[in-house]
Amino acid sequence: MAKEITYRLDYVDETGKRLSKNIRVNFISNQMREDFRLIENDIIDGYRLKHEYDAQLIELKARSVNGTSVEDLEQSFKDIELKFQDILDKGKLEERRMKLIQKILIRNGFQPTDKFVLDEFWNDSVDVETINEFLAVAIDKDLDKVKKKIQTTTSQPSSTVTD
């Protein structure tokens, strides 16, 4: 049986006041899980390419000091840039992540017009780390791992705001 969790979403309002919202999640579809995994894989690939780029940059600096040829590295930089551009082109990661958040919220009782479903709320009021954590916790809610911000509940979903 699927678990229901309550995630405490910390955010700031337009005046900078720190608030929180309890978000109950009791439904995550296989498609939501797959969408998350694809987004996650693209992010991991991006970080891998960044590390590859940084390593090549160190090599470039070392060769420059020694006066060694760097022509092969120039092609390597171009290859890394093309791979990174492919990730960006195929995905629009931010847009895909926002659509997934909206899908999760709507399927768990929020209205499409609720401020917590709107792009602007997540873009302007929620820290990036919190966005990533919310997605990971919601998607993996049926797994046995425990997070600090999760409370297993048995009541119906609600959307109360806590100050």
N, C-alpha and C. Protein backbone atom coordinates (compact mmCIF):
# COMPACT_ATOMS: atom_id res chain seq x y z
N MET A 1 0.83 -1.18 0.00
CA MET A 1 0.00 0.00 0.00
C MET A 1 0.88 1.25 0.00
N ALA A 2 0.45 2.23 -0.74
CA ALA A 2 1.21 3.47 -0.85
C ALA A 2 1.21 4.24 0.46
N LYS A 3 2.33 4.82 0.78
CA LYS A 3 2.44 5.65 1.97
C LYS A 3 1.95 7.06 1.66
N GLU A 4 1.49 7.73 2.66
CA GLU A 4 1.19 9.15 2.54
C GLU A 4 2.18 9.87 3.42
N ILE A 5 2.79 10.89 2.86
CA ILE A 5 3.76 11.67 3.63
C ILE A 5 3.31 13.12 3.67
N THR A 6 3.80 13.80 4.67
CA THR A 6 3.62 15.25 4.76
C THR A 6 5.00 15.86 4.72
N TYR A 7 5.21 16.70 3.72
CA TYR A 7 6.50 17.38 3.57
C TYR A 7 6.32 18.83 3.99
N ARG A 8 7.19 19.28 4.89
CA ARG A 8 7.14 20.69 5.31
C ARG A 8 8.00 21.51 4.35
N LEU A 9 7.33 22.27 3.50
CA LEU A 9 8.00 23.10 2.51
C LEU A 9 8.27 24.47 3.12
N ASP A 10 9.54 24.79 3.29
CA ASP A 10 9.92 26.10 3.79
C ASP A 10 10.07 27.05 2.60
N TYR A 11 9.59 28.27 2.76
CA TYR A 11 9.67 29.26 1.69
C TYR A 11 9.63 30.65 2.30
N VAL A 12 9.85 31.67 1.47
CA VAL A 12 9.74 33.05 1.92
C VAL A 12 8.67 33.74 1.08
N ASP A 13 7.94 34.65 1.70
CA ASP A 13 6.96 35.42 0.94
C ASP A 13 7.66 36.62 0.29
N GLU A 14 6.86 37.46 -0.38
CA GLU A 14 7.45 38.58 -1.12
C GLU A 14 8.12 39.62 -0.22
N THR A 15 7.85 39.60 1.08
CA THR A 15 8.51 40.52 2.01
C THR A 15 9.74 39.90 2.66
N GLY A 16 10.00 38.63 2.38
CA GLY A 16 11.15 37.94 2.97
C GLY A 16 10.81 37.18 4.23
N LYS A 17 9.54 37.20 4.62
CA LYS A 17 9.12 36.49 5.83
C LYS A 17 9.20 34.99 5.57
N ARG A 18 9.81 34.27 6.51
CA ARG A 18 9.95 32.82 6.38
C ARG A 18 8.65 32.13 6.81
N LEU A 19 8.15 31.29 5.93
CA LEU A 19 6.92 30.55 6.18
C LEU A 19 7.14 29.08 5.83
N SER A 20 6.15 28.26 6.16
CA SER A 20 6.20 26.86 5.74
C SER A 20 4.80 26.40 5.38
N LYS A 21 4.75 25.37 4.56
CA LYS A 21 3.49 24.81 4.09
C LYS A 21 3.62 23.30 4.18
N ASN A 22 2.67 22.67 4.81
CA ASN A 22 2.64 21.22 4.85
C ASN A 22 1.99 20.71 3.57
N ILE A 23 2.73 19.91 2.84
CA ILE A 23 2.23 19.34 1.60
C ILE A 23 2.12 17.84 1.77
N ARG A 24 0.91 17.35 1.65
CA ARG A 24 0.68 15.91 1.77
C ARG A 24 0.72 15.27 0.40
N VAL A 25 1.45 14.19 0.32
CA VAL A 25 1.60 13.46 -0.93
C VAL A 25 1.23 12.00 -0.66
N ASN A 26 0.19 11.54 -1.37
CA ASN A 26 -0.19 10.14 -1.21
C ASN A 26 -0.22 9.39 -2.53
N PHE A 27 0.08 10.09 -3.63
CA PHE A 27 0.07 9.44 -4.94
C PHE A 27 1.25 9.91 -5.78
N ILE A 28 2.02 8.95 -6.22
CA ILE A 28 3.11 9.18 -7.17
C ILE A 28 2.98 8.09 -8.23
N SER A 29 2.78 8.50 -9.47
CA SER A 29 2.62 7.52 -10.55
C SER A 29 3.97 7.03 -11.06
N ASN A 30 3.94 5.93 -11.78
CA ASN A 30 5.17 5.43 -12.40
C ASN A 30 5.74 6.46 -13.37
N GLN A 31 4.86 7.18 -14.08
CA GLN A 31 5.34 8.18 -15.03
C GLN A 31 6.04 9.33 -14.31
N MET A 32 5.52 9.75 -13.16
CA MET A 32 6.19 10.79 -12.38
C MET A 32 7.57 10.32 -11.96
N ARG A 33 7.65 9.08 -11.51
CA ARG A 33 8.93 8.52 -11.09
C ARG A 33 9.91 8.48 -12.26
N GLU A 34 9.43 8.06 -13.44
CA GLU A 34 10.28 8.01 -14.63
C GLU A 34 10.72 9.41 -15.06
N ASP A 35 9.80 10.38 -15.03
CA ASP A 35 10.16 11.76 -15.37
C ASP A 35 11.27 12.27 -14.45
N PHE A 36 11.14 11.97 -13.17
CA PHE A 36 12.15 12.41 -12.20
C PHE A 36 13.50 11.76 -12.49
N ARG A 37 13.50 10.48 -12.77
CA ARG A 37 14.76 9.77 -13.05
C ARG A 37 15.45 10.35 -14.30
N LEU A 38 14.67 10.70 -15.33
CA LEU A 38 15.27 11.29 -16.53
C LEU A 38 15.88 12.66 -16.23
N ILE A 39 15.18 13.46 -15.44
CA ILE A 39 15.70 14.76 -15.03
C ILE A 39 16.97 14.56 -14.20
N GLU A 40 16.90 13.65 -13.25
CA GLU A 40 18.04 13.36 -12.39
C GLU A 40 19.25 12.90 -13.21
N ASN A 41 19.04 12.03 -14.18
CA ASN A 41 20.14 11.55 -15.03
C ASN A 41 20.77 12.68 -15.82
N ASP A 42 19.95 13.59 -16.33
CA ASP A 42 20.49 14.73 -17.08
C ASP A 42 21.34 15.63 -16.17
N ILE A 43 20.89 15.82 -14.95
CA ILE A 43 21.65 16.64 -14.00
C ILE A 43 22.98 15.96 -13.68
N ILE A 44 22.95 14.66 -13.44
CA ILE A 44 24.18 13.91 -13.16
C ILE A 44 25.14 13.99 -14.34
N ASP A 45 24.61 13.84 -15.56
CA ASP A 45 25.45 13.95 -16.75
C ASP A 45 26.07 15.35 -16.85
N GLY A 46 25.31 16.37 -16.50
CA GLY A 46 25.83 17.74 -16.51
C GLY A 46 26.98 17.92 -15.53
N TYR A 47 26.81 17.39 -14.31
CA TYR A 47 27.89 17.47 -13.32
C TYR A 47 29.12 16.69 -13.78
N ARG A 48 28.91 15.53 -14.38
CA ARG A 48 30.03 14.72 -14.88
C ARG A 48 30.80 15.51 -15.93
N LEU A 49 30.07 16.15 -16.84
CA LEU A 49 30.73 16.95 -17.87
C LEU A 49 31.46 18.15 -17.27
N LYS A 50 30.91 18.74 -16.25
CA LYS A 50 31.57 19.87 -15.58
C LYS A 50 32.90 19.41 -14.99
N HIS A 51 32.91 18.23 -14.35
CA HIS A 51 34.16 17.71 -13.78
C HIS A 51 35.17 17.38 -14.89
N GLU A 52 34.68 16.83 -15.98
CA GLU A 52 35.52 16.52 -17.13
C GLU A 52 36.13 17.82 -17.68
N TYR A 53 35.32 18.85 -17.78
CA TYR A 53 35.77 20.16 -18.27
C TYR A 53 36.84 20.72 -17.34
N ASP A 54 36.58 20.66 -16.03
CA ASP A 54 37.55 21.17 -15.05
C ASP A 54 38.88 20.42 -15.14
N ALA A 55 38.82 19.10 -15.32
CA ALA A 55 40.05 18.31 -15.45
C ALA A 55 40.82 18.72 -16.70
N GLN A 56 40.10 18.95 -17.79
CA GLN A 56 40.75 19.38 -19.02
C GLN A 56 41.37 20.77 -18.87
N LEU A 57 40.70 21.62 -18.11
CA LEU A 57 41.22 22.97 -17.86
C LEU A 57 42.53 22.90 -17.08
N ILE A 58 42.60 22.03 -16.09
CA ILE A 58 43.84 21.84 -15.32
C ILE A 58 44.96 21.34 -16.24
N GLU A 59 44.61 20.38 -17.10
CA GLU A 59 45.58 19.86 -18.07
C GLU A 59 46.05 20.97 -19.01
N LEU A 60 45.13 21.80 -19.47
CA LEU A 60 45.47 22.91 -20.36
C LEU A 60 46.47 23.86 -19.69
N LYS A 61 46.19 24.20 -18.44
CA LYS A 61 47.09 25.11 -17.71
C LYS A 61 48.47 24.49 -17.53
N ALA A 62 48.51 23.20 -17.21
CA ALA A 62 49.79 22.51 -17.02
C ALA A 62 50.59 22.49 -18.32
N ARG A 63 49.91 22.20 -19.43
CA ARG A 63 50.60 22.17 -20.72
C ARG A 63 51.07 23.56 -21.14
N SER A 64 50.28 24.56 -20.82
CA SER A 64 50.66 25.93 -21.17
C SER A 64 51.94 26.34 -20.46
N VAL A 65 52.06 25.95 -19.21
CA VAL A 65 53.25 26.26 -18.43
C VAL A 65 54.47 25.54 -19.02
N ASN A 66 54.27 24.29 -19.46
CA ASN A 66 55.36 23.48 -20.00
C ASN A 66 55.63 23.76 -21.48
N GLY A 67 54.77 24.50 -22.13
CA GLY A 67 54.93 24.79 -23.54
C GLY A 67 54.55 23.62 -24.45
N THR A 68 53.77 22.67 -23.93
CA THR A 68 53.33 21.51 -24.69
C THR A 68 52.10 21.86 -25.53
N SER A 69 51.93 21.15 -26.64
CA SER A 69 50.80 21.40 -27.54
C SER A 69 49.47 21.18 -26.83
N VAL A 70 48.49 22.02 -27.18
CA VAL A 70 47.17 21.92 -26.58
C VAL A 70 46.07 21.68 -27.62
N GLU A 71 46.47 21.38 -28.85
CA GLU A 71 45.48 21.21 -29.92
C GLU A 71 44.47 20.11 -29.61
N ASP A 72 44.94 18.98 -29.06
CA ASP A 72 44.02 17.89 -28.74
C ASP A 72 43.03 18.30 -27.66
N LEU A 73 43.46 19.16 -26.74
CA LEU A 73 42.56 19.63 -25.68
C LEU A 73 41.50 20.56 -26.23
N GLU A 74 41.84 21.32 -27.23
CA GLU A 74 40.85 22.21 -27.83
C GLU A 74 39.68 21.41 -28.37
N GLN A 75 39.97 20.30 -29.03
CA GLN A 75 38.90 19.43 -29.52
C GLN A 75 38.11 18.81 -28.36
N SER A 76 38.81 18.46 -27.30
CA SER A 76 38.16 17.88 -26.12
C SER A 76 37.18 18.88 -25.50
N PHE A 77 37.60 20.15 -25.42
CA PHE A 77 36.71 21.19 -24.91
C PHE A 77 35.47 21.32 -25.79
N LYS A 78 35.66 21.29 -27.08
CA LYS A 78 34.53 21.39 -28.01
C LYS A 78 33.58 20.21 -27.83
N ASP A 79 34.13 19.01 -27.66
CA ASP A 79 33.30 17.81 -27.45
C ASP A 79 32.47 17.92 -26.18
N ILE A 80 33.11 18.39 -25.12
CA ILE A 80 32.40 18.55 -23.84
C ILE A 80 31.29 19.58 -24.00
N GLU A 81 31.58 20.69 -24.65
CA GLU A 81 30.57 21.74 -24.86
C GLU A 81 29.39 21.22 -25.67
N LEU A 82 29.67 20.42 -26.70
CA LEU A 82 28.59 19.84 -27.51
C LEU A 82 27.74 18.88 -26.69
N LYS A 83 28.37 18.04 -25.88
CA LYS A 83 27.62 17.11 -25.03
C LYS A 83 26.74 17.87 -24.04
N PHE A 84 27.31 18.93 -23.45
CA PHE A 84 26.55 19.72 -22.50
C PHE A 84 25.37 20.42 -23.19
N GLN A 85 25.61 20.93 -24.37
CA GLN A 85 24.54 21.58 -25.13
C GLN A 85 23.43 20.57 -25.46
N ASP A 86 23.81 19.33 -25.76
CA ASP A 86 22.81 18.28 -26.02
C ASP A 86 21.90 18.08 -24.81
N ILE A 87 22.49 18.08 -23.63
CA ILE A 87 21.69 17.92 -22.41
C ILE A 87 20.71 19.08 -22.29
N LEU A 88 21.20 20.29 -22.51
CA LEU A 88 20.33 21.46 -22.41
C LEU A 88 19.25 21.45 -23.48
N ASP A 89 19.63 21.10 -24.70
CA ASP A 89 18.67 21.11 -25.81
C ASP A 89 17.59 20.06 -25.65
N LYS A 90 17.95 18.89 -25.22
CA LYS A 90 16.95 17.82 -25.14
C LYS A 90 15.99 18.06 -23.99
N GLY A 91 16.40 18.89 -23.07
CA GLY A 91 15.63 18.88 -21.89
C GLY A 91 14.98 20.07 -21.31
N LYS A 92 15.52 21.23 -21.37
CA LYS A 92 14.93 22.33 -20.61
C LYS A 92 14.65 21.84 -19.18
N LEU A 93 15.71 21.54 -18.46
CA LEU A 93 15.60 20.90 -17.15
C LEU A 93 14.68 21.64 -16.19
N GLU A 94 14.82 22.95 -16.12
CA GLU A 94 14.00 23.72 -15.18
C GLU A 94 12.51 23.58 -15.51
N GLU A 95 12.20 23.64 -16.79
CA GLU A 95 10.81 23.53 -17.22
C GLU A 95 10.25 22.13 -16.91
N ARG A 96 11.04 21.11 -17.18
CA ARG A 96 10.60 19.73 -16.91
C ARG A 96 10.43 19.50 -15.41
N ARG A 97 11.32 20.08 -14.61
CA ARG A 97 11.23 19.93 -13.17
C ARG A 97 9.97 20.63 -12.64
N MET A 98 9.68 21.83 -13.17
CA MET A 98 8.49 22.55 -12.73
C MET A 98 7.22 21.81 -13.11
N LYS A 99 7.16 21.27 -14.32
CA LYS A 99 5.98 20.50 -14.73
C LYS A 99 5.77 19.29 -13.85
N LEU A 100 6.86 18.65 -13.43
CA LEU A 100 6.74 17.50 -12.54
C LEU A 100 6.21 17.92 -11.17
N ILE A 101 6.71 19.02 -10.63
CA ILE A 101 6.19 19.53 -9.35
C ILE A 101 4.70 19.80 -9.46
N GLN A 102 4.30 20.48 -10.53
CA GLN A 102 2.88 20.80 -10.73
C GLN A 102 2.03 19.53 -10.83
N LYS A 103 2.52 18.55 -11.56
CA LYS A 103 1.79 17.29 -11.71
C LYS A 103 1.60 16.61 -10.35
N ILE A 104 2.67 16.58 -9.56
CA ILE A 104 2.60 15.97 -8.22
C ILE A 104 1.57 16.70 -7.36
N LEU A 105 1.64 18.02 -7.34
CA LEU A 105 0.74 18.79 -6.49
C LEU A 105 -0.72 18.63 -6.92
N ILE A 106 -0.98 18.72 -8.20
CA ILE A 106 -2.36 18.62 -8.70
C ILE A 106 -2.92 17.22 -8.44
N ARG A 107 -2.12 16.19 -8.67
CA ARG A 107 -2.59 14.82 -8.44
C ARG A 107 -2.77 14.51 -6.96
N ASN A 108 -2.28 15.40 -6.10
CA ASN A 108 -2.41 15.20 -4.66
C ASN A 108 -3.28 16.27 -4.01
N GLY A 109 -4.23 16.81 -4.80
CA GLY A 109 -5.29 17.63 -4.21
C GLY A 109 -5.19 19.14 -4.39
N PHE A 110 -4.13 19.64 -4.93
CA PHE A 110 -4.03 21.08 -5.15
C PHE A 110 -4.75 21.46 -6.43
N GLN A 111 -5.28 22.68 -6.46
CA GLN A 111 -5.92 23.21 -7.65
C GLN A 111 -4.85 23.84 -8.55
N PRO A 112 -5.03 23.77 -9.87
CA PRO A 112 -4.04 24.36 -10.78
C PRO A 112 -3.80 25.86 -10.54
N THR A 113 -4.79 26.55 -9.96
CA THR A 113 -4.65 27.98 -9.71
C THR A 113 -4.08 28.30 -8.33
N ASP A 114 -3.88 27.30 -7.50
CA ASP A 114 -3.30 27.49 -6.17
C ASP A 114 -1.91 28.10 -6.31
N LYS A 115 -1.58 29.06 -5.47
CA LYS A 115 -0.27 29.73 -5.59
C LYS A 115 0.87 28.74 -5.46
N PHE A 116 0.69 27.66 -4.73
CA PHE A 116 1.76 26.68 -4.54
C PHE A 116 2.01 25.84 -5.79
N VAL A 117 1.15 25.94 -6.78
CA VAL A 117 1.31 25.21 -8.04
C VAL A 117 1.97 26.09 -9.11
N LEU A 118 1.97 27.37 -8.89
CA LEU A 118 2.45 28.31 -9.91
C LEU A 118 3.98 28.36 -9.98
N ASP A 119 4.49 28.49 -11.21
CA ASP A 119 5.94 28.61 -11.44
C ASP A 119 6.55 29.73 -10.59
N GLU A 120 5.88 30.86 -10.56
CA GLU A 120 6.40 32.04 -9.87
C GLU A 120 6.68 31.75 -8.40
N PHE A 121 5.80 31.00 -7.76
CA PHE A 121 6.00 30.67 -6.36
C PHE A 121 7.31 29.92 -6.18
N TRP A 122 7.50 28.86 -6.95
CA TRP A 122 8.70 28.03 -6.81
C TRP A 122 9.96 28.78 -7.23
N ASN A 123 9.85 29.60 -8.25
CA ASN A 123 11.01 30.35 -8.74
C ASN A 123 11.42 31.48 -7.80
N ASP A 124 10.45 32.13 -7.17
CA ASP A 124 10.73 33.32 -6.36
C ASP A 124 10.78 33.07 -4.86
N SER A 125 10.17 31.98 -4.38
CA SER A 125 10.00 31.83 -2.94
C SER A 125 10.65 30.60 -2.33
N VAL A 126 11.09 29.67 -3.16
CA VAL A 126 11.62 28.40 -2.63
C VAL A 126 13.09 28.24 -3.01
N ASP A 127 13.89 27.91 -2.03
CA ASP A 127 15.32 27.67 -2.25
C ASP A 127 15.52 26.46 -3.16
N VAL A 128 16.54 26.51 -3.99
CA VAL A 128 16.82 25.43 -4.95
C VAL A 128 17.01 24.09 -4.23
N GLU A 129 17.74 24.10 -3.13
CA GLU A 129 17.95 22.86 -2.37
C GLU A 129 16.62 22.27 -1.90
N THR A 130 15.72 23.14 -1.48
CA THR A 130 14.41 22.69 -1.01
C THR A 130 13.60 22.10 -2.15
N ILE A 131 13.68 22.71 -3.33
CA ILE A 131 12.97 22.16 -4.50
C ILE A 131 13.46 20.75 -4.79
N ASN A 132 14.77 20.58 -4.82
CA ASN A 132 15.35 19.28 -5.11
C ASN A 132 14.97 18.25 -4.05
N GLU A 133 15.00 18.68 -2.80
CA GLU A 133 14.65 17.77 -1.71
C GLU A 133 13.17 17.37 -1.78
N PHE A 134 12.30 18.34 -2.05
CA PHE A 134 10.87 18.03 -2.16
C PHE A 134 10.63 16.97 -3.22
N LEU A 135 11.22 17.17 -4.39
CA LEU A 135 11.03 16.19 -5.46
C LEU A 135 11.54 14.80 -5.07
N ALA A 136 12.74 14.76 -4.51
CA ALA A 136 13.32 13.47 -4.13
C ALA A 136 12.47 12.77 -3.08
N VAL A 137 12.03 13.51 -2.08
CA VAL A 137 11.23 12.93 -1.01
C VAL A 137 9.86 12.46 -1.53
N ALA A 138 9.22 13.29 -2.33
CA ALA A 138 7.90 12.93 -2.87
C ALA A 138 8.00 11.70 -3.77
N ILE A 139 8.96 11.70 -4.67
CA ILE A 139 9.10 10.60 -5.62
C ILE A 139 9.42 9.29 -4.90
N ASP A 140 10.26 9.37 -3.88
CA ASP A 140 10.69 8.15 -3.18
C ASP A 140 9.87 7.87 -1.92
N LYS A 141 8.70 8.45 -1.82
CA LYS A 141 7.91 8.32 -0.59
C LYS A 141 7.55 6.88 -0.25
N ASP A 142 7.45 6.02 -1.23
CA ASP A 142 7.08 4.63 -0.97
C ASP A 142 8.27 3.74 -0.66
N LEU A 143 9.46 4.30 -0.75
CA LEU A 143 10.65 3.54 -0.38
C LEU A 143 10.84 3.64 1.12
N ASP A 144 11.66 2.80 1.67
CA ASP A 144 11.81 2.74 3.12
C ASP A 144 12.76 3.76 3.72
N LYS A 145 13.44 4.56 2.87
CA LYS A 145 14.35 5.53 3.46
C LYS A 145 13.58 6.64 4.16
N VAL A 146 14.16 7.16 5.22
CA VAL A 146 13.50 8.16 6.04
C VAL A 146 14.23 9.48 5.88
N LYS A 147 13.47 10.57 5.73
CA LYS A 147 14.04 11.91 5.66
C LYS A 147 13.59 12.70 6.89
N LYS A 148 14.38 13.71 7.26
CA LYS A 148 14.03 14.52 8.42
C LYS A 148 12.69 15.23 8.27
N LYS A 149 12.37 15.67 7.05
CA LYS A 149 11.19 16.50 6.88
C LYS A 149 9.92 15.70 6.57
N ILE A 150 9.97 14.39 6.69
CA ILE A 150 8.79 13.59 6.36
C ILE A 150 8.12 13.13 7.64
N GLN A 151 6.81 13.19 7.63
CA GLN A 151 6.02 12.59 8.69
C GLN A 151 4.99 11.71 8.00
N THR A 152 4.96 10.41 8.33
CA THR A 152 3.94 9.56 7.73
C THR A 152 2.61 9.89 8.39
N THR A 153 1.58 10.06 7.57
CA THR A 153 0.27 10.42 8.09
C THR A 153 -0.79 9.49 7.53
N THR A 154 -1.95 9.55 8.12
CA THR A 154 -3.06 8.73 7.63
C THR A 154 -4.29 9.56 7.33
N SER A 155 -4.22 10.86 7.53
CA SER A 155 -5.38 11.70 7.28
C SER A 155 -5.46 12.11 5.81
N GLN A 156 -6.57 12.77 5.45
CA GLN A 156 -6.77 13.25 4.09
C GLN A 156 -5.86 14.41 3.77
N PRO A 157 -5.45 14.57 2.50
CA PRO A 157 -4.59 15.69 2.14
C PRO A 157 -5.25 17.03 2.45
N SER A 158 -4.43 17.95 2.92
CA SER A 158 -4.91 19.31 3.16
C SER A 158 -3.84 20.26 2.67
N SER A 159 -4.17 21.50 2.70
CA SER A 159 -3.15 22.48 2.29
C SER A 159 -3.20 23.67 3.25
N THR A 160 -2.73 23.42 4.47
CA THR A 160 -2.71 24.48 5.46
C THR A 160 -1.36 25.17 5.45
N VAL A 161 -1.37 26.45 5.71
CA VAL A 161 -0.14 27.23 5.77
C VAL A 161 0.20 27.46 7.23
N THR A 162 1.48 27.25 7.54
CA THR A 162 1.96 27.48 8.91
C THR A 162 2.94 28.62 8.88
N ASP A 163 2.82 29.52 9.81
CA ASP A 163 3.78 30.64 9.91
C ASP A 163 4.88 30.27 10.87
